[in-house]
């Protein structure tokens, strides 16, 4: 009977270890099913591994309690090592956590056209666990640490279904302002992807030194924003010329003072 009593703590430890492993494996299986809906493999796999081994570590430590083993030294050593690693790898952890927050907040996704203020503008190619890769408009692949990306203002050009096109157009002071507006509105109506609502509009933006600057604005689907803008830009000059509206070039009037000759 005494022998059985002496074996009970070991049986409890064994059951505790088995239970810990069972919970850890079930938890990992659950996470591998749920997280892929919200994250890419580059993010959810390392996160799942961290949770898996953390559960195993603390579960086994708790299971050894019936054996009255002094684990304070192990915990202190582990804590000290953890603090040292944390300080040495604080940037790595910051980038990792920022990557997780980016997936939870979803300010962008691969394929989005974005501008990271003060950093780069282009198309998101990949959101990794530590960094995000963006292809700039010039074809450069830019890698941004997730911590910097998460803390920077992000303009997502692809987030909304429609975008506004804004084109500044200068006309001469002698041209008919209303004729210019009507010509630009007709031009917008000719393109199939320019939306009827909100309606195209032309506003006076400023009175420049050599021209009255108009702001030609209309809306287009986000997927067709760039080709629509390119087409409008190529047709503005032709549309204004047909309406008899002049697009001036910068001019400067120079007055020469003739010196008076004596005698």
Protein backbone atom coordinates (compact mmCIF):
# COMPACT_ATOMS: atom_id res chain seq x y z
CA UNK A 1 0.00 0.00 0.00
CA UNK A 2 2.87 2.34 0.86
CA UNK A 3 4.47 1.57 -2.51
CA UNK A 4 1.26 2.57 -4.30
CA UNK A 5 1.07 5.80 -2.31
CA UNK A 6 4.63 6.60 -3.29
CA UNK A 7 3.79 6.10 -6.95
CA UNK A 8 0.72 8.34 -6.93
CA UNK A 9 2.66 11.63 -7.33
CA UNK A 10 4.45 10.20 -10.33
CA UNK A 11 1.17 9.04 -11.82
CA UNK A 12 -0.22 12.57 -11.26
CA UNK A 13 2.81 14.06 -12.97
CA UNK A 14 2.41 11.66 -15.91
CA UNK A 15 -1.28 12.48 -16.25
CA UNK A 16 -0.50 16.18 -15.99
CA UNK A 17 2.11 15.95 -18.75
CA UNK A 18 -0.22 13.93 -20.98
CA UNK A 19 -3.03 16.41 -20.33
CA UNK A 20 -0.74 19.33 -21.13
CA UNK A 21 0.37 17.75 -24.39
CA UNK A 22 -3.22 16.95 -25.31
CA UNK A 23 -4.35 20.54 -24.65
CA UNK A 24 -1.38 21.97 -26.53
CA UNK A 25 -1.96 19.81 -29.61
CA UNK A 26 -5.71 20.50 -29.63
CA UNK A 27 -5.06 24.22 -29.24
CA UNK A 28 -2.54 24.19 -32.10
CA UNK A 29 -5.00 22.30 -34.30
CA UNK A 30 -7.71 24.83 -33.49
CA UNK A 31 -5.44 27.79 -34.23
CA UNK A 32 -4.30 26.23 -37.52
CA UNK A 33 -7.94 26.09 -38.59
CA UNK A 34 -9.04 29.55 -37.45
CA UNK A 35 -6.04 31.84 -38.01
CA UNK A 36 -5.60 31.18 -41.78
CA UNK A 37 -8.91 33.02 -42.29
CA UNK A 38 -7.35 36.21 -40.94
CA UNK A 39 -3.59 35.84 -41.48
CA UNK A 40 -1.12 34.45 -43.98
CA UNK A 41 1.05 31.45 -43.15
CA UNK A 42 4.02 33.76 -42.59
CA UNK A 43 2.25 35.21 -39.55
CA UNK A 44 -0.01 32.54 -38.08
CA UNK A 45 2.50 29.65 -38.14
CA UNK A 46 5.13 31.34 -35.92
CA UNK A 47 2.37 32.67 -33.66
CA UNK A 48 0.88 29.19 -33.32
CA UNK A 49 4.30 27.71 -32.48
CA UNK A 50 4.93 30.32 -29.77
CA UNK A 51 1.55 29.59 -28.14
CA UNK A 52 2.06 25.81 -28.47
CA UNK A 53 5.45 25.70 -26.74
CA UNK A 54 4.41 28.24 -24.10
CA UNK A 55 1.48 26.02 -23.08
CA UNK A 56 3.74 22.95 -22.95
CA UNK A 57 6.37 24.73 -20.85
CA UNK A 58 4.01 26.08 -18.20
CA UNK A 59 1.92 22.90 -18.23
CA UNK A 60 4.92 20.67 -17.53
CA UNK A 61 6.23 23.02 -14.84
CA UNK A 62 2.82 22.91 -13.13
CA UNK A 63 2.64 19.12 -13.45
CA UNK A 64 5.95 18.70 -11.59
CA UNK A 65 4.58 20.46 -8.51
CA UNK A 66 3.49 17.20 -6.71
CA UNK A 67 7.11 16.00 -6.75
CA UNK A 68 8.12 18.98 -4.58
CA UNK A 69 10.92 19.84 -6.96
CA UNK A 70 12.32 23.30 -6.38
CA UNK A 71 11.82 24.99 -9.70
CA UNK A 72 12.56 28.49 -8.48
CA UNK A 73 16.07 28.35 -9.88
CA UNK A 74 14.77 27.21 -13.25
CA UNK A 75 12.08 29.90 -13.28
CA UNK A 76 14.54 32.61 -12.25
CA UNK A 77 17.03 31.46 -14.86
CA UNK A 78 14.30 31.29 -17.46
CA UNK A 79 13.01 34.70 -16.48
CA UNK A 80 16.48 36.21 -16.61
CA UNK A 81 17.13 34.61 -19.99
CA UNK A 82 13.77 35.83 -21.22
CA UNK A 83 14.52 39.40 -20.15
CA UNK A 84 17.93 39.27 -21.81
CA UNK A 85 16.47 37.90 -25.02
CA UNK A 86 13.67 40.46 -24.90
CA UNK A 87 16.11 43.37 -24.64
CA UNK A 88 18.34 41.90 -27.33
CA UNK A 89 15.42 41.21 -29.64
CA UNK A 90 13.05 44.03 -28.79
CA UNK A 91 13.03 45.22 -32.39
CA UNK A 92 12.25 41.72 -33.63
CA UNK A 93 9.38 41.35 -31.17
CA UNK A 94 8.11 44.84 -31.96
CA UNK A 95 8.06 44.03 -35.66
CA UNK A 96 6.35 40.69 -34.99
CA UNK A 97 3.64 42.22 -32.81
CA UNK A 98 3.14 45.05 -35.28
CA UNK A 99 2.69 42.45 -38.02
CA UNK A 100 -0.01 40.75 -35.96
CA UNK A 101 -1.74 44.08 -35.30
CA UNK A 102 -1.62 44.90 -39.03
CA UNK A 103 -3.48 41.67 -39.74
CA UNK A 104 -6.01 42.36 -37.02
CA UNK A 105 -6.57 46.01 -37.99
CA UNK A 106 -6.34 45.30 -41.75
CA UNK A 107 -5.32 48.78 -42.97
CA UNK A 108 -3.93 47.14 -46.11
CA UNK A 109 -3.62 43.84 -47.96
CA UNK A 110 -1.47 42.46 -50.81
CA UNK A 111 -2.40 44.15 -54.07
CA UNK A 112 -3.42 47.47 -52.48
CA UNK A 113 -1.98 50.69 -53.85
CA UNK A 114 -0.80 52.68 -50.83
CA UNK A 115 1.32 55.59 -49.70
CA UNK A 116 3.31 55.31 -46.50
CA UNK A 117 3.87 58.92 -45.50
CA UNK A 118 7.52 59.89 -45.79
CA UNK A 119 8.61 56.40 -46.87
CA UNK A 120 7.27 55.02 -50.16
CA UNK A 121 4.30 54.84 -52.51
CA UNK A 122 3.40 51.73 -54.51
CA UNK A 123 1.65 48.35 -54.43
CA UNK A 124 1.76 45.96 -51.46
CA UNK A 125 3.42 42.71 -52.55
CA UNK A 126 3.70 40.81 -49.28
CA UNK A 127 2.91 41.28 -45.60
CA UNK A 128 5.36 39.14 -43.65
CA UNK A 129 5.80 38.38 -39.97
CA UNK A 130 8.51 41.02 -39.48
CA UNK A 131 8.29 43.30 -42.52
CA UNK A 132 6.11 44.32 -45.45
CA UNK A 133 7.33 44.48 -49.05
CA UNK A 134 6.05 47.22 -51.36
CA UNK A 135 6.75 47.58 -55.06
CA UNK A 136 7.21 51.29 -55.77
CA UNK A 137 5.90 52.89 -58.95
CA UNK A 138 9.49 52.91 -60.24
CA UNK A 139 9.75 49.13 -59.86
CA UNK A 140 11.86 49.15 -56.68
CA UNK A 141 11.06 46.53 -54.04
CA UNK A 142 11.01 48.33 -50.68
CA UNK A 143 11.07 46.41 -47.40
CA UNK A 144 9.50 48.27 -44.46
CA UNK A 145 9.77 46.94 -40.87
CA UNK A 146 6.26 46.30 -39.57
CA UNK A 147 6.86 48.48 -36.50
CA UNK A 148 7.60 51.50 -38.72
CA UNK A 149 4.70 50.68 -41.05
CA UNK A 150 2.20 50.30 -38.20
CA UNK A 151 3.22 53.63 -36.63
CA UNK A 152 3.20 55.59 -39.93
CA UNK A 153 0.22 57.28 -41.60
CA UNK A 154 -0.98 55.02 -44.42
CA UNK A 155 -3.03 56.23 -47.38
CA UNK A 156 -4.79 53.26 -49.00
CA UNK A 157 -5.83 54.17 -52.55
CA UNK A 158 -7.54 50.81 -53.06
CA UNK A 159 -9.69 50.74 -49.94
CA UNK A 160 -12.71 52.48 -51.47
CA UNK A 161 -14.59 51.38 -54.62
CA UNK A 162 -14.30 54.80 -56.33
CA UNK A 163 -11.66 57.55 -56.48
CA UNK A 164 -11.73 61.15 -57.57
CA UNK A 165 -9.67 62.37 -60.51
CA UNK A 166 -8.41 65.94 -60.18
CA UNK A 167 -6.71 67.67 -63.12
CA UNK A 168 -5.55 71.32 -62.98
CA UNK A 169 -6.09 73.10 -66.30
CA UNK A 170 -4.87 76.60 -67.11
CA UNK A 171 -6.74 78.80 -69.62
CA UNK A 172 -5.93 82.31 -70.79
CA UNK A 173 -7.57 85.32 -69.21
CA UNK A 174 -9.10 86.22 -72.57
CA UNK A 175 -10.85 82.84 -72.98
CA UNK A 176 -14.51 82.21 -72.22
CA UNK A 177 -14.63 80.63 -68.76
CA UNK A 178 -18.05 79.03 -69.24
CA UNK A 179 -17.06 77.58 -72.61
CA UNK A 180 -14.03 75.97 -71.01
CA UNK A 181 -16.14 74.46 -68.23
CA UNK A 182 -18.69 73.07 -70.67
CA UNK A 183 -15.96 71.57 -72.88
CA UNK A 184 -14.39 69.73 -69.95
CA UNK A 185 -17.75 68.44 -68.70
CA UNK A 186 -18.53 67.11 -72.20
CA UNK A 187 -15.14 65.43 -72.25
CA UNK A 188 -15.85 63.67 -68.96
CA UNK A 189 -19.23 62.49 -70.26
CA UNK A 190 -17.54 60.80 -73.22
CA UNK A 191 -15.59 58.32 -71.08
CA UNK A 192 -17.51 55.16 -70.08
CA UNK A 193 -15.85 54.87 -66.66
CA UNK A 194 -16.43 58.45 -65.50
CA UNK A 195 -19.30 58.25 -63.02
CA UNK A 196 -22.47 60.27 -63.52
CA UNK A 197 -22.85 60.51 -59.74
CA UNK A 198 -21.03 62.30 -58.21
CA UNK A 199 -21.23 64.46 -61.30
CA UNK A 200 -18.10 65.88 -62.96
CA UNK A 201 -17.39 69.49 -62.07
CA UNK A 202 -15.02 72.28 -63.01
CA UNK A 203 -14.07 74.92 -60.43
CA UNK A 204 -11.80 77.94 -60.53
CA UNK A 205 -8.79 76.95 -58.47
CA UNK A 206 -6.72 80.13 -58.66
CA UNK A 207 -5.83 83.16 -60.75
CA UNK A 208 -2.24 82.60 -61.73
CA UNK A 209 0.31 84.92 -63.29
CA UNK A 210 -0.37 83.71 -66.82
CA UNK A 211 -3.61 81.72 -66.59
CA UNK A 212 -6.88 81.11 -64.84
CA UNK A 213 -6.31 77.67 -63.28
CA UNK A 214 -9.35 75.41 -63.34
CA UNK A 215 -9.78 72.24 -61.25
CA UNK A 216 -11.33 69.57 -63.48
CA UNK A 217 -12.76 66.89 -61.18
CA UNK A 218 -14.67 63.66 -61.73
CA UNK A 219 -14.99 60.19 -60.20
CA UNK A 220 -14.10 56.74 -61.55
CA UNK A 221 -13.99 53.15 -60.23
CA UNK A 222 -10.77 52.55 -58.32
CA UNK A 223 -9.73 49.75 -60.67
CA UNK A 224 -10.05 52.13 -63.65
CA UNK A 225 -8.79 55.31 -62.00
CA UNK A 226 -5.36 55.45 -63.62
CA UNK A 227 -6.32 54.60 -67.26
CA UNK A 228 -9.27 56.99 -67.03
CA UNK A 229 -7.05 59.82 -65.80
CA UNK A 230 -4.48 59.14 -68.52
CA UNK A 231 -7.20 59.27 -71.20
CA UNK A 232 -8.65 62.54 -69.87
CA UNK A 233 -5.21 64.14 -69.71
CA UNK A 234 -4.56 63.21 -73.33
CA UNK A 235 -7.86 64.75 -74.48
CA UNK A 236 -8.03 68.00 -72.47
CA UNK A 237 -6.01 70.08 -74.93
CA UNK A 238 -8.01 68.86 -77.92
CA UNK A 239 -11.35 69.49 -76.19
CA UNK A 240 -10.42 73.05 -75.23
CA UNK A 241 -9.07 73.90 -78.69
CA UNK A 242 -12.31 72.69 -80.30
CA UNK A 243 -14.20 75.02 -77.95
CA UNK A 244 -11.95 77.93 -78.91
CA UNK A 245 -10.32 78.08 -75.48
CA UNK A 246 -6.63 78.93 -75.34
CA UNK A 247 -4.18 77.15 -73.06
CA UNK A 248 -1.51 79.80 -72.46
CA UNK A 249 2.17 79.40 -71.89
CA UNK A 250 4.02 81.45 -69.27
CA UNK A 251 4.66 85.00 -70.49
CA UNK A 252 6.61 87.87 -69.06
CA UNK A 253 6.34 91.47 -70.17
CA UNK A 254 9.60 93.40 -70.00
CA UNK A 255 9.56 97.22 -70.06
CA UNK A 256 12.74 98.90 -71.27
CA UNK A 257 13.35 102.45 -70.20
CA UNK A 258 15.03 104.54 -72.86
CA UNK A 259 17.61 106.86 -71.42
CA UNK A 260 17.31 110.47 -72.56
CA UNK A 261 20.25 111.69 -74.57
CA UNK A 262 21.29 115.26 -74.05
CA UNK A 263 21.45 117.63 -76.99
